Each structure stands twice: as C-alpha cells, then as structure tokens.
Amino acid sequence: MTRNEIIEQVNQLLSEEYEIDQKDFSPEASLKETLQLDSINLVDLVALVQYTYKITIPAEDLHQIKTFNDLYDYIEKHQTA
C-alpha cells in the first residue's frame, strides 16, 4: 500500500468513525484535538488501526503518534508487505 493510499484510507476510516469531515484533517494537526479523543477513545483508535492494518502498536510507541502525519508514518513503516 502506498503512502497516498494509506492517507486516503486512514482519513476515510477516521472520518466515518469519529464523524468529522476530512477537510479538518491536516498532516500536522493533532489527532487528539482534531478527533476530540480522551484516553478511552485513544484506545479505540489504536484498536481500529491495529485491526484494519494488521499491525501492533505497543503502548510505548503511542507517545510517538501525535499528529496525522505520525500515524501515516507509523502505519507505512509497520505494514506487512
């Protein structure tokens, strides 16, 4: 999956899940602020990403994922070929 495909799919997935227009998503925007995530919603987001992309996001890696771009990067780096 290419980076553009990841971005398109992640944005669509998050837009549907959190009922927020994709136009509000920008690569440097904060995931927590844009999606209005509390700690429970953050766990749901991680579970959704792990299920969708068949990757594991260890708790110690969560602090690295602050923006949409961080999430795209993480998925791109950890996706299975």
PDB file of N, CA and C in Angstrom:
ATOM      1  N   MET A   1       0.847  -1.173   0.000  1.00  0.00           N
ATOM      2  CA  MET A   1       0.000   0.000   0.000  1.00  0.00           C
ATOM      3  C   MET A   1       0.899   1.245   0.000  1.00  0.00           C
ATOM      4  N   THR A   2       0.622   2.173  -0.892  1.00  0.00           N
ATOM      5  CA  THR A   2       1.421   3.388  -0.985  1.00  0.00           C
ATOM      6  C   THR A   2       1.036   4.366   0.117  1.00  0.00           C
ATOM      7  N   ARG A   3       1.885   5.341   0.329  1.00  0.00           N
ATOM      8  CA  ARG A   3       1.599   6.352   1.353  1.00  0.00           C
ATOM      9  C   ARG A   3       0.291   7.081   1.036  1.00  0.00           C
ATOM     10  N   ASN A   4       0.080   7.433  -0.219  1.00  0.00           N
ATOM     11  CA  ASN A   4      -1.162   8.125  -0.581  1.00  0.00           C
ATOM     12  C   ASN A   4      -2.380   7.264  -0.310  1.00  0.00           C
ATOM     13  N   GLU A   5      -2.274   5.969  -0.559  1.00  0.00           N
ATOM     14  CA  GLU A   5      -3.385   5.057  -0.263  1.00  0.00           C
ATOM     15  C   GLU A   5      -3.625   4.991   1.243  1.00  0.00           C
ATOM     16  N   ILE A   6      -2.551   4.971   2.012  1.00  0.00           N
ATOM     17  CA  ILE A   6      -2.682   4.952   3.474  1.00  0.00           C
ATOM     18  C   ILE A   6      -3.391   6.217   3.949  1.00  0.00           C
ATOM     19  N   ILE A   7      -2.933   7.355   3.460  1.00  0.00           N
ATOM     20  CA  ILE A   7      -3.538   8.635   3.867  1.00  0.00           C
ATOM     21  C   ILE A   7      -5.026   8.660   3.523  1.00  0.00           C
ATOM     22  N   GLU A   8      -5.348   8.273   2.302  1.00  0.00           N
ATOM     23  CA  GLU A   8      -6.744   8.282   1.863  1.00  0.00           C
ATOM     24  C   GLU A   8      -7.598   7.340   2.719  1.00  0.00           C
ATOM     25  N   GLN A   9      -7.084   6.131   2.949  1.00  0.00           N
ATOM     26  CA  GLN A   9      -7.847   5.143   3.706  1.00  0.00           C
ATOM     27  C   GLN A   9      -7.980   5.542   5.182  1.00  0.00           C
ATOM     28  N   VAL A  10      -6.897   6.010   5.783  1.00  0.00           N
ATOM     29  CA  VAL A  10      -6.945   6.428   7.189  1.00  0.00           C
ATOM     30  C   VAL A  10      -7.924   7.584   7.354  1.00  0.00           C
ATOM     31  N   ASN A  11      -7.844   8.572   6.482  1.00  0.00           N
ATOM     32  CA  ASN A  11      -8.743   9.719   6.588  1.00  0.00           C
ATOM     33  C   ASN A  11     -10.201   9.300   6.451  1.00  0.00           C
ATOM     34  N   GLN A  12     -10.476   8.410   5.522  1.00  0.00           N
ATOM     35  CA  GLN A  12     -11.851   7.944   5.348  1.00  0.00           C
ATOM     36  C   GLN A  12     -12.315   7.173   6.586  1.00  0.00           C
ATOM     37  N   LEU A  13     -11.467   6.301   7.083  1.00  0.00           N
ATOM     38  CA  LEU A  13     -11.784   5.496   8.255  1.00  0.00           C
ATOM     39  C   LEU A  13     -12.059   6.381   9.473  1.00  0.00           C
ATOM     40  N   LEU A  14     -11.180   7.336   9.722  1.00  0.00           N
ATOM     41  CA  LEU A  14     -11.340   8.208  10.883  1.00  0.00           C
ATOM     42  C   LEU A  14     -12.529   9.150  10.721  1.00  0.00           C
ATOM     43  N   SER A  15     -12.766   9.608   9.512  1.00  0.00           N
ATOM     44  CA  SER A  15     -13.905  10.475   9.241  1.00  0.00           C
ATOM     45  C   SER A  15     -15.216   9.751   9.555  1.00  0.00           C
ATOM     46  N   GLU A  16     -15.319   8.498   9.126  1.00  0.00           N
ATOM     47  CA  GLU A  16     -16.530   7.711   9.392  1.00  0.00           C
ATOM     48  C   GLU A  16     -16.659   7.365  10.873  1.00  0.00           C
ATOM     49  N   GLU A  17     -15.561   6.952  11.484  1.00  0.00           N
ATOM     50  CA  GLU A  17     -15.585   6.510  12.885  1.00  0.00           C
ATOM     51  C   GLU A  17     -15.903   7.655  13.846  1.00  0.00           C
ATOM     52  N   TYR A  18     -15.331   8.818  13.602  1.00  0.00           N
ATOM     53  CA  TYR A  18     -15.476   9.941  14.527  1.00  0.00           C
ATOM     54  C   TYR A  18     -16.421  11.022  14.014  1.00  0.00           C
ATOM     55  N   GLU A  19     -17.020  10.796  12.852  1.00  0.00           N
ATOM     56  CA  GLU A  19     -17.997  11.698  12.254  1.00  0.00           C
ATOM     57  C   GLU A  19     -17.464  13.126  12.162  1.00  0.00           C
ATOM     58  N   ILE A  20     -16.261  13.228  11.610  1.00  0.00           N
ATOM     59  CA  ILE A  20     -15.622  14.522  11.405  1.00  0.00           C
ATOM     60  C   ILE A  20     -15.231  14.615   9.932  1.00  0.00           C
ATOM     61  N   ASP A  21     -15.491  15.779   9.345  1.00  0.00           N
ATOM     62  CA  ASP A  21     -15.185  15.985   7.931  1.00  0.00           C
ATOM     63  C   ASP A  21     -13.685  15.893   7.687  1.00  0.00           C
ATOM     64  N   GLN A  22     -13.311  15.185   6.629  1.00  0.00           N
ATOM     65  CA  GLN A  22     -11.898  15.012   6.288  1.00  0.00           C
ATOM     66  C   GLN A  22     -11.185  16.331   6.015  1.00  0.00           C
ATOM     67  N   LYS A  23     -11.925  17.360   5.656  1.00  0.00           N
ATOM     68  CA  LYS A  23     -11.282  18.650   5.393  1.00  0.00           C
ATOM     69  C   LYS A  23     -10.663  19.224   6.668  1.00  0.00           C
ATOM     70  N   ASP A  24     -11.074  18.715   7.825  1.00  0.00           N
ATOM     71  CA  ASP A  24     -10.492  19.158   9.095  1.00  0.00           C
ATOM     72  C   ASP A  24      -9.184  18.447   9.413  1.00  0.00           C
ATOM     73  N   PHE A  25      -8.809  17.462   8.598  1.00  0.00           N
ATOM     74  CA  PHE A  25      -7.587  16.708   8.823  1.00  0.00           C
ATOM     75  C   PHE A  25      -6.442  17.353   8.043  1.00  0.00           C
ATOM     76  N   SER A  26      -5.361  17.600   8.721  1.00  0.00           N
ATOM     77  CA  SER A  26      -4.149  18.034   8.027  1.00  0.00           C
ATOM     78  C   SER A  26      -2.995  17.235   8.611  1.00  0.00           C
ATOM     79  N   PRO A  27      -1.945  17.025   7.832  1.00  0.00           N
ATOM     80  CA  PRO A  27      -0.847  16.169   8.287  1.00  0.00           C
ATOM     81  C   PRO A  27      -0.271  16.567   9.644  1.00  0.00           C
ATOM     82  N   GLU A  28      -0.200  17.859   9.931  1.00  0.00           N
ATOM     83  CA  GLU A  28       0.413  18.307  11.189  1.00  0.00           C
ATOM     84  C   GLU A  28      -0.595  18.542  12.309  1.00  0.00           C
ATOM     85  N   ALA A  29      -1.879  18.310  12.043  1.00  0.00           N
ATOM     86  CA  ALA A  29      -2.905  18.504  13.070  1.00  0.00           C
ATOM     87  C   ALA A  29      -2.797  17.421  14.152  1.00  0.00           C
ATOM     88  N   SER A  30      -3.117  17.804  15.361  1.00  0.00           N
ATOM     89  CA  SER A  30      -3.113  16.872  16.485  1.00  0.00           C
ATOM     90  C   SER A  30      -4.273  15.894  16.347  1.00  0.00           C
ATOM     91  N   LEU A  31      -3.966  14.611  16.469  1.00  0.00           N
ATOM     92  CA  LEU A  31      -5.027  13.600  16.432  1.00  0.00           C
ATOM     93  C   LEU A  31      -6.002  13.794  17.588  1.00  0.00           C
ATOM     94  N   LYS A  32      -5.464  13.982  18.789  1.00  0.00           N
ATOM     95  CA  LYS A  32      -6.312  14.116  19.981  1.00  0.00           C
ATOM     96  C   LYS A  32      -7.254  15.303  19.874  1.00  0.00           C
ATOM     97  N   GLU A  33      -6.728  16.439  19.436  1.00  0.00           N
ATOM     98  CA  GLU A  33      -7.562  17.641  19.350  1.00  0.00           C
ATOM     99  C   GLU A  33      -8.562  17.549  18.207  1.00  0.00           C
ATOM    100  N   THR A  34      -8.107  17.136  17.037  1.00  0.00           N
ATOM    101  CA  THR A  34      -8.983  17.085  15.866  1.00  0.00           C
ATOM    102  C   THR A  34     -10.112  16.079  16.056  1.00  0.00           C
ATOM    103  N   LEU A  35      -9.772  14.903  16.604  1.00  0.00           N
ATOM    104  CA  LEU A  35     -10.779  13.848  16.779  1.00  0.00           C
ATOM    105  C   LEU A  35     -11.437  13.913  18.149  1.00  0.00           C
ATOM    106  N   GLN A  36     -11.031  14.888  18.975  1.00  0.00           N
ATOM    107  CA  GLN A  36     -11.568  15.073  20.326  1.00  0.00           C
ATOM    108  C   GLN A  36     -11.475  13.780  21.130  1.00  0.00           C
ATOM    109  N   LEU A  37     -10.256  13.239  21.196  1.00  0.00           N
ATOM    110  CA  LEU A  37     -10.023  11.958  21.842  1.00  0.00           C
ATOM    111  C   LEU A  37      -9.719  12.115  23.327  1.00  0.00           C
ATOM    112  N   ASP A  38     -10.396  11.312  24.135  1.00  0.00           N
ATOM    113  CA  ASP A  38      -9.978  11.157  25.519  1.00  0.00           C
ATOM    114  C   ASP A  38      -9.225   9.831  25.580  1.00  0.00           C
ATOM    115  N   SER A  39      -8.819   9.403  26.749  1.00  0.00           N
ATOM    116  CA  SER A  39      -7.987   8.197  26.833  1.00  0.00           C
ATOM    117  C   SER A  39      -8.722   6.952  26.338  1.00  0.00           C
ATOM    118  N   ILE A  40     -10.020   6.857  26.559  1.00  0.00           N
ATOM    119  CA  ILE A  40     -10.788   5.693  26.098  1.00  0.00           C
ATOM    120  C   ILE A  40     -10.895   5.699  24.577  1.00  0.00           C
ATOM    121  N   ASN A  41     -11.168   6.871  24.001  1.00  0.00           N
ATOM    122  CA  ASN A  41     -11.240   6.977  22.542  1.00  0.00           C
ATOM    123  C   ASN A  41      -9.901   6.692  21.896  1.00  0.00           C
ATOM    124  N   LEU A  42      -8.819   7.041  22.581  1.00  0.00           N
ATOM    125  CA  LEU A  42      -7.486   6.770  22.056  1.00  0.00           C
ATOM    126  C   LEU A  42      -7.251   5.264  21.962  1.00  0.00           C
ATOM    127  N   VAL A  43      -7.695   4.534  22.968  1.00  0.00           N
ATOM    128  CA  VAL A  43      -7.586   3.068  22.948  1.00  0.00           C
ATOM    129  C   VAL A  43      -8.399   2.512  21.782  1.00  0.00           C
ATOM    130  N   ASP A  44      -9.595   3.058  21.568  1.00  0.00           N
ATOM    131  CA  ASP A  44     -10.435   2.632  20.441  1.00  0.00           C
ATOM    132  C   ASP A  44      -9.747   2.908  19.103  1.00  0.00           C
ATOM    133  N   LEU A  45      -9.108   4.071  18.993  1.00  0.00           N
ATOM    134  CA  LEU A  45      -8.394   4.419  17.769  1.00  0.00           C
ATOM    135  C   LEU A  45      -7.264   3.433  17.508  1.00  0.00           C
ATOM    136  N   VAL A  46      -6.500   3.120  18.539  1.00  0.00           N
ATOM    137  CA  VAL A  46      -5.396   2.167  18.399  1.00  0.00           C
ATOM    138  C   VAL A  46      -5.935   0.806  17.965  1.00  0.00           C
ATOM    139  N   ALA A  47      -7.011   0.349  18.600  1.00  0.00           N
ATOM    140  CA  ALA A  47      -7.603  -0.945  18.245  1.00  0.00           C
ATOM    141  C   ALA A  47      -8.078  -0.948  16.792  1.00  0.00           C
ATOM    142  N   LEU A  48      -8.698   0.131  16.365  1.00  0.00           N
ATOM    143  CA  LEU A  48      -9.185   0.250  14.993  1.00  0.00           C
ATOM    144  C   LEU A  48      -8.029   0.184  13.987  1.00  0.00           C
ATOM    145  N   VAL A  49      -6.970   0.908  14.260  1.00  0.00           N
ATOM    146  CA  VAL A  49      -5.804   0.913  13.368  1.00  0.00           C
ATOM    147  C   VAL A  49      -5.135  -0.464  13.356  1.00  0.00           C
ATOM    148  N   GLN A  50      -4.977  -1.053  14.528  1.00  0.00           N
ATOM    149  CA  GLN A  50      -4.345  -2.375  14.603  1.00  0.00           C
ATOM    150  C   GLN A  50      -5.154  -3.410  13.825  1.00  0.00           C
ATOM    151  N   TYR A  51      -6.471  -3.384  13.974  1.00  0.00           N
ATOM    152  CA  TYR A  51      -7.340  -4.334  13.282  1.00  0.00           C
ATOM    153  C   TYR A  51      -7.309  -4.103  11.770  1.00  0.00           C
ATOM    154  N   THR A  52      -7.426  -2.853  11.368  1.00  0.00           N
ATOM    155  CA  THR A  52      -7.503  -2.521   9.949  1.00  0.00           C
ATOM    156  C   THR A  52      -6.205  -2.829   9.210  1.00  0.00           C
ATOM    157  N   TYR A  53      -5.078  -2.506   9.828  1.00  0.00           N
ATOM    158  CA  TYR A  53      -3.795  -2.633   9.148  1.00  0.00           C
ATOM    159  C   TYR A  53      -2.976  -3.834   9.594  1.00  0.00           C
ATOM    160  N   LYS A  54      -3.549  -4.649  10.484  1.00  0.00           N
ATOM    161  CA  LYS A  54      -2.877  -5.880  10.945  1.00  0.00           C
ATOM    162  C   LYS A  54      -1.473  -5.569  11.488  1.00  0.00           C
ATOM    163  N   ILE A  55      -1.398  -4.507  12.283  1.00  0.00           N
ATOM    164  CA  ILE A  55      -0.154  -4.144  12.942  1.00  0.00           C
ATOM    165  C   ILE A  55      -0.401  -4.075  14.440  1.00  0.00           C
ATOM    166  N   THR A  56       0.671  -4.076  15.202  1.00  0.00           N
ATOM    167  CA  THR A  56       0.574  -3.920  16.644  1.00  0.00           C
ATOM    168  C   THR A  56       1.232  -2.599  17.014  1.00  0.00           C
ATOM    169  N   ILE A  57       0.534  -1.820  17.843  1.00  0.00           N
ATOM    170  CA  ILE A  57       1.097  -0.566  18.325  1.00  0.00           C
ATOM    171  C   ILE A  57       1.304  -0.723  19.832  1.00  0.00           C
ATOM    172  N   PRO A  58       2.531  -1.005  20.244  1.00  0.00           N
ATOM    173  CA  PRO A  58       2.804  -1.151  21.671  1.00  0.00           C
ATOM    174  C   PRO A  58       2.563   0.167  22.415  1.00  0.00           C
ATOM    175  N   ALA A  59       2.179   0.065  23.676  1.00  0.00           N
ATOM    176  CA  ALA A  59       1.895   1.260  24.479  1.00  0.00           C
ATOM    177  C   ALA A  59       3.060   2.245  24.463  1.00  0.00           C
ATOM    178  N   GLU A  60       4.281   1.726  24.472  1.00  0.00           N
ATOM    179  CA  GLU A  60       5.445   2.619  24.494  1.00  0.00           C
ATOM    180  C   GLU A  60       5.624   3.396  23.187  1.00  0.00           C
ATOM    181  N   ASP A  61       4.952   2.978  22.117  1.00  0.00           N
ATOM    182  CA  ASP A  61       5.031   3.709  20.840  1.00  0.00           C
ATOM    183  C   ASP A  61       3.959   4.796  20.724  1.00  0.00           C
ATOM    184  N   LEU A  62       2.960   4.763  21.577  1.00  0.00           N
ATOM    185  CA  LEU A  62       1.852   5.721  21.457  1.00  0.00           C
ATOM    186  C   LEU A  62       2.310   7.168  21.560  1.00  0.00           C
ATOM    187  N   HIS A  63       3.294   7.434  22.403  1.00  0.00           N
ATOM    188  CA  HIS A  63       3.759   8.817  22.573  1.00  0.00           C
ATOM    189  C   HIS A  63       4.355   9.383  21.283  1.00  0.00           C
ATOM    190  N   GLN A  64       4.734   8.520  20.350  1.00  0.00           N
ATOM    191  CA  GLN A  64       5.300   8.967  19.071  1.00  0.00           C
ATOM    192  C   GLN A  64       4.219   9.435  18.094  1.00  0.00           C
ATOM    193  N   ILE A  65       2.992   9.018  18.330  1.00  0.00           N
ATOM    194  CA  ILE A  65       1.906   9.272  17.372  1.00  0.00           C
ATOM    195  C   ILE A  65       1.039  10.418  17.888  1.00  0.00           C
ATOM    196  N   LYS A  66       1.409  11.619  17.499  1.00  0.00           N
ATOM    197  CA  LYS A  66       0.691  12.805  17.965  1.00  0.00           C
ATOM    198  C   LYS A  66      -0.138  13.455  16.856  1.00  0.00           C
ATOM    199  N   THR A  67       0.372  13.393  15.624  1.00  0.00           N
ATOM    200  CA  THR A  67      -0.297  14.053  14.503  1.00  0.00           C
ATOM    201  C   THR A  67      -0.776  13.014  13.487  1.00  0.00           C
ATOM    202  N   PHE A  68      -1.560  13.467  12.551  1.00  0.00           N
ATOM    203  CA  PHE A  68      -2.000  12.577  11.479  1.00  0.00           C
ATOM    204  C   PHE A  68      -0.789  12.043  10.723  1.00  0.00           C
ATOM    205  N   ASN A  69       0.181  12.919  10.482  1.00  0.00           N
ATOM    206  CA  ASN A  69       1.383  12.511   9.758  1.00  0.00           C
ATOM    207  C   ASN A  69       2.124  11.413  10.516  1.00  0.00           C
ATOM    208  N   ASP A  70       2.189  11.537  11.846  1.00  0.00           N
ATOM    209  CA  ASP A  70       2.828  10.498  12.662  1.00  0.00           C
ATOM    210  C   ASP A  70       2.119   9.162  12.482  1.00  0.00           C
ATOM    211  N   LEU A  71       0.799   9.207  12.436  1.00  0.00           N
ATOM    212  CA  LEU A  71       0.021   7.984  12.260  1.00  0.00           C
ATOM    213  C   LEU A  71       0.275   7.381  10.885  1.00  0.00           C
ATOM    214  N   TYR A  72       0.261   8.216   9.847  1.00  0.00           N
ATOM    215  CA  TYR A  72       0.541   7.711   8.491  1.00  0.00           C
ATOM    216  C   TYR A  72       1.927   7.072   8.445  1.00  0.00           C
ATOM    217  N   ASP A  73       2.907   7.773   9.038  1.00  0.00           N
ATOM    218  CA  ASP A  73       4.288   7.264   9.055  1.00  0.00           C
ATOM    219  C   ASP A  73       4.361   5.913   9.762  1.00  0.00           C
ATOM    220  N   TYR A  74       3.691   5.818  10.896  1.00  0.00           N
ATOM    221  CA  TYR A  74       3.753   4.589  11.687  1.00  0.00           C
ATOM    222  C   TYR A  74       3.161   3.417  10.902  1.00  0.00           C
ATOM    223  N   ILE A  75       2.012   3.638  10.291  1.00  0.00           N
ATOM    224  CA  ILE A  75       1.371   2.589   9.510  1.00  0.00           C
ATOM    225  C   ILE A  75       2.263   2.193   8.328  1.00  0.00           C
ATOM    226  N   GLU A  76       2.788   3.194   7.630  1.00  0.00           N
ATOM    227  CA  GLU A  76       3.640   2.914   6.474  1.00  0.00           C
ATOM    228  C   GLU A  76       4.870   2.113   6.879  1.00  0.00           C
ATOM    229  N   LYS A  77       5.460   2.455   7.992  1.00  0.00           N
ATOM    230  CA  LYS A  77       6.675   1.785   8.448  1.00  0.00           C
ATOM    231  C   LYS A  77       6.421   0.361   8.951  1.00  0.00           C
ATOM    232  N   HIS A  78       5.242   0.118   9.519  1.00  0.00           N
ATOM    233  CA  HIS A  78       4.975  -1.177  10.160  1.00  0.00           C
ATOM    234  C   HIS A  78       4.051  -2.113   9.379  1.00  0.00           C
ATOM    235  N   GLN A  79       3.543  -1.650   8.253  1.00  0.00           N
ATOM    236  CA  GLN A  79       2.650  -2.527   7.477  1.00  0.00           C
ATOM    237  C   GLN A  79       3.424  -3.731   6.934  1.00  0.00           C
ATOM    238  N   THR A  80       2.721  -4.838   6.849  1.00  0.00           N
ATOM    239  CA  THR A  80       3.351  -6.037   6.292  1.00  0.00           C
ATOM    240  C   THR A  80       3.257  -5.981   4.772  1.00  0.00           C
ATOM    241  N   ALA A  81       4.254  -6.470   4.156  1.00  0.00           N
ATOM    242  CA  ALA A  81       4.313  -6.422   2.681  1.00  0.00           C
ATOM    243  C   ALA A  81       3.347  -7.399   2.050  1.00  0.00           C
TER     244      ALA A  81
END
